[in-house]
Amino acid sequence: MERSTIAAQMYTLREFTKTPEALRESLRKVSEIGYQAVQISGIGPMDPKLVKEYADEYGLKICATHVSWDRLVNDLDALAAEHKLWNCKYIGLGGLPGEYQTSQEGYRTFAKLASGIARTLKEQHGLQFVYHNHDFEFERFEDMTGMEILLQESDPEVFGFELDLYWVQAGGGDPVEWIHKVEGRMQAVHFKDMTVLSRKPVFAEIGQGNMNYGAIIEACRKTGVEWHIVEQDVCQRDPFESLEISLNYLHTKLEDEA
């Protein structure tokens, strides 16, 4: 992990990115905090050219996105064109559509459909599909979890993963074990931390919670993760401050490794 490979997930700032003007200001702040890359997700509707213009203005690479399943199914060529405009290789799906969540067969059907889309993205456009999990994928269907079905039934040549390590932990999985399970199929990962308030798990800035980020960072290094994306779904303080706290922690870990 290097400083240039740490990105801010703009979903963290979704309340501050609803208009082009607000997005531009948010990207400025993200750059000033010290990030060199962002993941585009949760922003308001706007011209993709403006998004690229503002990212370039503040020296921010767009490393990945989250897009809707509907666009992947029905608007793939336009979606690919946007990512090429942004020089962004990784097209992320933020979660499993509801109709596939309730059975083994649903997960298998999705894995097959998504693998077909992922192959088109790779072979026709040179882009990589990545799947982002939550906790519900760790529900068991007889002897397998949904995540295990996705891992086994999807095409390993084209179907990638973007593990959200908080949600792996929340689902009862071991983040470090899962990083190794998807080795070779994960170039981008979501970093966030988990703590406890009033006996309930809540999101925390990285290093401010209880997850083992020393072991997590080492596992990402060993498995060749390219992008380390900081996200916090819910912040207990100003979201820009939360992003800064997380980045400072990761920079400290880098300094410790030097």
Protein backbone atom coordinates (compact mmCIF):
# COMPACT_ATOMS: atom_id res chain seq x y z
CA MET A 1 0.00 0.00 0.00
CA GLU A 2 1.28 3.42 -1.01
CA ARG A 3 -0.22 6.86 -0.40
CA SER A 4 -1.22 7.15 -4.04
CA THR A 5 -3.27 3.94 -3.80
CA ILE A 6 -5.53 5.19 -0.98
CA ALA A 7 -8.83 6.55 -2.29
CA ALA A 8 -11.88 8.22 -0.77
CA GLN A 9 -15.24 6.63 -1.50
CA MET A 10 -17.50 9.57 -2.39
CA TYR A 11 -20.53 7.72 -1.02
CA THR A 12 -19.23 8.84 2.38
CA LEU A 13 -19.91 12.42 1.22
CA ARG A 14 -23.18 11.71 -0.60
CA GLU A 15 -25.00 14.57 1.16
CA PHE A 16 -22.36 16.96 -0.22
CA THR A 17 -22.31 15.82 -3.87
CA LYS A 18 -25.88 16.33 -5.11
CA THR A 19 -25.06 19.16 -7.56
CA PRO A 20 -22.06 19.84 -9.80
CA GLU A 21 -21.05 22.80 -7.61
CA ALA A 22 -21.26 20.70 -4.45
CA LEU A 23 -19.29 17.86 -6.01
CA ARG A 24 -16.55 20.24 -7.11
CA GLU A 25 -16.25 21.68 -3.61
CA SER A 26 -16.20 18.21 -2.06
CA LEU A 27 -13.47 17.05 -4.43
CA ARG A 28 -11.46 20.13 -3.52
CA LYS A 29 -11.73 19.27 0.18
CA VAL A 30 -10.86 15.62 -0.43
CA SER A 31 -7.74 16.68 -2.30
CA GLU A 32 -6.75 19.13 0.43
CA ILE A 33 -7.13 16.36 3.05
CA GLY A 34 -4.49 14.44 1.12
CA TYR A 35 -6.29 11.87 -1.02
CA GLN A 36 -5.03 11.32 -4.54
CA ALA A 37 -7.92 9.20 -5.81
CA VAL A 38 -11.66 8.74 -5.39
CA GLN A 39 -14.37 6.21 -6.05
CA ILE A 40 -17.42 7.76 -7.69
CA SER A 41 -20.64 6.63 -5.98
CA GLY A 42 -23.72 8.32 -4.60
CA ILE A 43 -23.29 11.59 -6.49
CA GLY A 44 -26.19 13.51 -8.00
CA PRO A 45 -27.08 13.30 -11.69
CA MET A 46 -24.60 15.28 -13.77
CA ASP A 47 -22.62 15.29 -16.98
CA PRO A 48 -19.77 12.72 -16.78
CA LYS A 49 -17.51 15.25 -18.51
CA LEU A 50 -17.95 17.64 -15.56
CA VAL A 51 -17.09 14.88 -13.12
CA LYS A 52 -13.85 14.23 -14.98
CA GLU A 53 -13.10 17.95 -15.25
CA TYR A 54 -13.48 18.48 -11.51
CA ALA A 55 -11.47 15.38 -10.60
CA ASP A 56 -8.67 16.50 -12.91
CA GLU A 57 -8.80 20.02 -11.53
CA TYR A 58 -7.87 18.73 -8.08
CA GLY A 59 -5.48 16.00 -9.20
CA LEU A 60 -7.76 13.12 -8.25
CA LYS A 61 -7.79 9.84 -10.16
CA ILE A 62 -11.16 8.10 -10.46
CA CYS A 63 -10.12 4.57 -9.53
CA ALA A 64 -13.50 2.82 -9.32
CA THR A 65 -17.26 3.36 -9.30
CA HIS A 66 -20.51 1.92 -8.04
CA VAL A 67 -23.24 1.71 -10.66
CA SER A 68 -26.75 0.30 -10.78
CA TRP A 69 -27.63 -3.20 -11.88
CA ASP A 70 -30.15 -1.68 -14.29
CA ARG A 71 -27.41 0.20 -16.15
CA LEU A 72 -25.21 -2.87 -16.29
CA VAL A 73 -28.07 -4.82 -17.87
CA ASN A 74 -29.62 -2.14 -20.08
CA ASP A 75 -27.05 0.63 -20.69
CA LEU A 76 -23.71 -1.14 -20.82
CA ASP A 77 -22.16 0.60 -23.82
CA ALA A 78 -22.86 4.10 -22.44
CA LEU A 79 -21.60 2.99 -19.04
CA ALA A 80 -18.38 1.70 -20.56
CA ALA A 81 -17.94 4.97 -22.47
CA GLU A 82 -18.21 6.93 -19.21
CA HIS A 83 -15.55 4.81 -17.56
CA LYS A 84 -13.22 5.20 -20.52
CA LEU A 85 -13.74 8.97 -20.34
CA TRP A 86 -12.79 8.83 -16.67
CA ASN A 87 -9.84 6.48 -17.34
CA CYS A 88 -11.45 4.23 -14.72
CA LYS A 89 -10.97 0.48 -15.09
CA TYR A 90 -13.12 -0.84 -12.26
CA ILE A 91 -16.92 -0.86 -12.55
CA GLY A 92 -18.43 -1.82 -9.21
CA LEU A 93 -21.88 -3.13 -8.34
CA GLY A 94 -22.78 -1.96 -4.85
CA GLY A 95 -24.89 -4.96 -3.87
CA LEU A 96 -26.91 -7.94 -5.00
CA PRO A 97 -30.32 -7.04 -6.50
CA GLY A 98 -33.12 -8.07 -4.14
CA GLU A 99 -34.64 -10.68 -6.43
CA TYR A 100 -31.49 -12.82 -6.17
CA GLN A 101 -30.95 -12.64 -2.40
CA THR A 102 -33.30 -15.30 -1.04
CA SER A 103 -31.99 -18.63 -2.32
CA GLN A 104 -29.01 -20.60 -3.58
CA GLU A 105 -30.58 -20.58 -7.02
CA GLY A 106 -30.88 -16.79 -6.90
CA TYR A 107 -27.18 -16.39 -6.13
CA ARG A 108 -26.23 -18.86 -8.85
CA THR A 109 -28.42 -17.11 -11.40
CA PHE A 110 -26.90 -13.75 -10.54
CA ALA A 111 -23.35 -15.13 -10.68
CA LYS A 112 -24.01 -16.43 -14.20
CA LEU A 113 -25.67 -13.23 -15.43
CA ALA A 114 -23.05 -10.94 -13.91
CA SER A 115 -20.24 -13.09 -15.28
CA GLY A 116 -21.66 -12.65 -18.78
CA ILE A 117 -21.77 -8.88 -18.37
CA ALA A 118 -18.28 -8.89 -16.87
CA ARG A 119 -16.95 -10.82 -19.87
CA THR A 120 -18.41 -8.27 -22.26
CA LEU A 121 -16.87 -5.44 -20.24
CA LYS A 122 -13.47 -7.11 -20.29
CA GLU A 123 -13.36 -8.40 -23.86
CA GLN A 124 -15.07 -5.50 -25.63
CA HIS A 125 -14.07 -2.56 -23.44
CA GLY A 126 -11.02 -3.57 -21.40
CA LEU A 127 -12.86 -2.91 -18.12
CA GLN A 128 -13.17 -4.96 -14.93
CA PHE A 129 -16.41 -5.77 -13.10
CA VAL A 130 -16.12 -5.89 -9.29
CA TYR A 131 -18.77 -6.95 -6.77
CA HIS A 132 -19.17 -5.12 -3.44
CA ASN A 133 -20.70 -7.10 -0.57
CA HIS A 134 -22.74 -6.27 2.51
CA ASP A 135 -23.50 -8.58 5.42
CA PHE A 136 -26.55 -10.34 3.95
CA GLU A 137 -24.36 -12.36 1.56
CA PHE A 138 -23.17 -14.27 4.62
CA GLU A 139 -26.59 -15.80 5.19
CA ARG A 140 -26.30 -19.57 4.92
CA PHE A 141 -28.27 -21.59 2.40
CA GLU A 142 -27.90 -25.16 3.65
CA ASP A 143 -24.13 -25.70 3.70
CA MET A 144 -22.96 -22.52 1.92
CA THR A 145 -23.12 -18.78 2.42
CA GLY A 146 -24.22 -16.50 -0.38
CA MET A 147 -20.67 -15.16 -0.66
CA GLU A 148 -19.29 -18.67 -1.08
CA ILE A 149 -21.80 -19.28 -3.87
CA LEU A 150 -20.74 -16.07 -5.62
CA LEU A 151 -17.09 -17.02 -5.30
CA GLN A 152 -17.60 -20.55 -6.62
CA GLU A 153 -20.24 -19.97 -9.28
CA SER A 154 -18.90 -16.79 -10.92
CA ASP A 155 -16.34 -16.78 -13.71
CA PRO A 156 -12.93 -16.20 -12.06
CA GLU A 157 -11.50 -14.79 -15.28
CA VAL A 158 -13.85 -11.80 -15.38
CA PHE A 159 -15.88 -11.53 -12.14
CA GLY A 160 -13.91 -9.53 -9.56
CA PHE A 161 -14.57 -8.59 -5.96
CA GLU A 162 -14.40 -5.37 -3.96
CA LEU A 163 -14.66 -6.70 -0.43
CA ASP A 164 -16.20 -4.36 2.12
CA LEU A 165 -14.34 -5.52 5.19
CA TYR A 166 -16.76 -3.96 7.71
CA TRP A 167 -19.62 -5.92 6.20
CA VAL A 168 -17.55 -9.11 6.08
CA GLN A 169 -16.99 -8.69 9.83
CA ALA A 170 -20.65 -7.83 10.45
CA GLY A 171 -21.71 -10.95 8.57
CA GLY A 172 -19.58 -13.14 10.82
CA GLY A 173 -16.77 -13.62 8.32
CA ASP A 174 -13.05 -13.17 8.90
CA PRO A 175 -11.83 -10.19 6.82
CA VAL A 176 -8.26 -11.48 6.53
CA GLU A 177 -9.44 -14.96 5.52
CA TRP A 178 -11.72 -13.49 2.86
CA ILE A 179 -8.98 -11.27 1.46
CA HIS A 180 -7.01 -14.45 0.84
CA LYS A 181 -10.05 -16.31 -0.53
CA VAL A 182 -10.45 -13.76 -3.33
CA GLU A 183 -6.72 -13.48 -4.03
CA GLY A 184 -6.15 -12.68 -7.69
CA ARG A 185 -9.75 -11.52 -8.08
CA MET A 186 -9.67 -8.35 -5.96
CA GLN A 187 -7.88 -5.20 -7.06
CA ALA A 188 -9.96 -2.78 -4.96
CA VAL A 189 -11.01 -3.13 -1.31
CA HIS A 190 -13.21 -1.08 1.02
CA PHE A 191 -11.57 -0.06 4.28
CA LYS A 192 -13.78 0.95 7.20
CA ASP A 193 -13.72 0.15 10.90
CA MET A 194 -16.20 -1.13 13.47
CA THR A 195 -16.67 -0.12 17.09
CA VAL A 196 -19.48 -0.54 19.64
CA LEU A 197 -21.82 2.11 21.05
CA SER A 198 -24.65 1.24 23.43
CA ARG A 199 -24.01 -2.44 22.75
CA LYS A 200 -24.48 -2.03 19.01
CA PRO A 201 -21.85 -2.22 16.24
CA VAL A 202 -21.34 1.11 14.47
CA PHE A 203 -19.07 2.48 11.77
CA ALA A 204 -15.82 4.08 12.88
CA GLU A 205 -12.86 5.78 11.29
CA ILE A 206 -10.06 3.38 10.43
CA GLY A 207 -7.91 2.84 13.50
CA GLN A 208 -10.66 4.08 15.82
CA GLY A 209 -12.47 0.76 15.98
CA ASN A 210 -11.74 -2.86 16.84
CA MET A 211 -10.88 -4.46 13.52
CA ASN A 212 -7.36 -5.80 13.08
CA TYR A 213 -6.07 -3.35 10.48
CA GLY A 214 -2.47 -4.40 10.90
CA ALA A 215 -3.34 -7.90 9.68
CA ILE A 216 -5.80 -6.55 7.10
CA ILE A 217 -3.23 -4.26 5.48
CA GLU A 218 -0.66 -7.05 5.43
CA ALA A 219 -3.15 -9.43 3.77
CA CYS A 220 -3.95 -6.82 1.13
CA ARG A 221 -0.25 -6.35 0.47
CA LYS A 222 0.37 -10.09 0.13
CA THR A 223 -2.56 -10.60 -2.25
CA GLY A 224 -1.75 -7.68 -4.54
CA VAL A 225 -4.66 -5.34 -3.86
CA GLU A 226 -4.26 -2.24 -6.02
CA TRP A 227 -6.70 0.28 -4.50
CA HIS A 228 -7.46 0.81 -0.81
CA ILE A 229 -10.73 2.74 -0.68
CA VAL A 230 -11.79 4.50 2.53
CA GLU A 231 -15.53 4.54 3.16
CA GLN A 232 -17.72 5.29 6.15
CA ASP A 233 -21.45 4.78 5.64
CA VAL A 234 -22.42 6.72 8.76
CA CYS A 235 -20.16 9.21 10.53
CA GLN A 236 -20.42 10.36 14.14
CA ARG A 237 -18.79 13.67 13.12
CA ASP A 238 -18.30 15.73 9.98
CA PRO A 239 -17.70 13.21 7.15
CA PHE A 240 -14.72 15.16 5.82
CA GLU A 241 -13.14 14.95 9.27
CA SER A 242 -13.83 11.21 9.35
CA LEU A 243 -12.09 10.75 6.00
CA GLU A 244 -9.12 12.74 7.29
CA ILE A 245 -8.83 10.67 10.49
CA SER A 246 -8.84 7.45 8.46
CA LEU A 247 -6.24 8.75 6.02
CA ASN A 248 -3.96 9.94 8.81
CA TYR A 249 -4.12 6.49 10.40
CA LEU A 250 -3.20 4.78 7.12
CA HIS A 251 -0.34 7.22 6.56
CA THR A 252 0.93 6.38 10.05
CA LYS A 253 0.86 2.67 9.20
CA LEU A 254 2.86 3.41 6.05
CA GLU A 255 5.43 5.32 8.08
CA ASP A 256 5.69 2.42 10.53
CA GLU A 257 6.45 0.07 7.61
CA ALA A 258 9.15 2.36 6.18
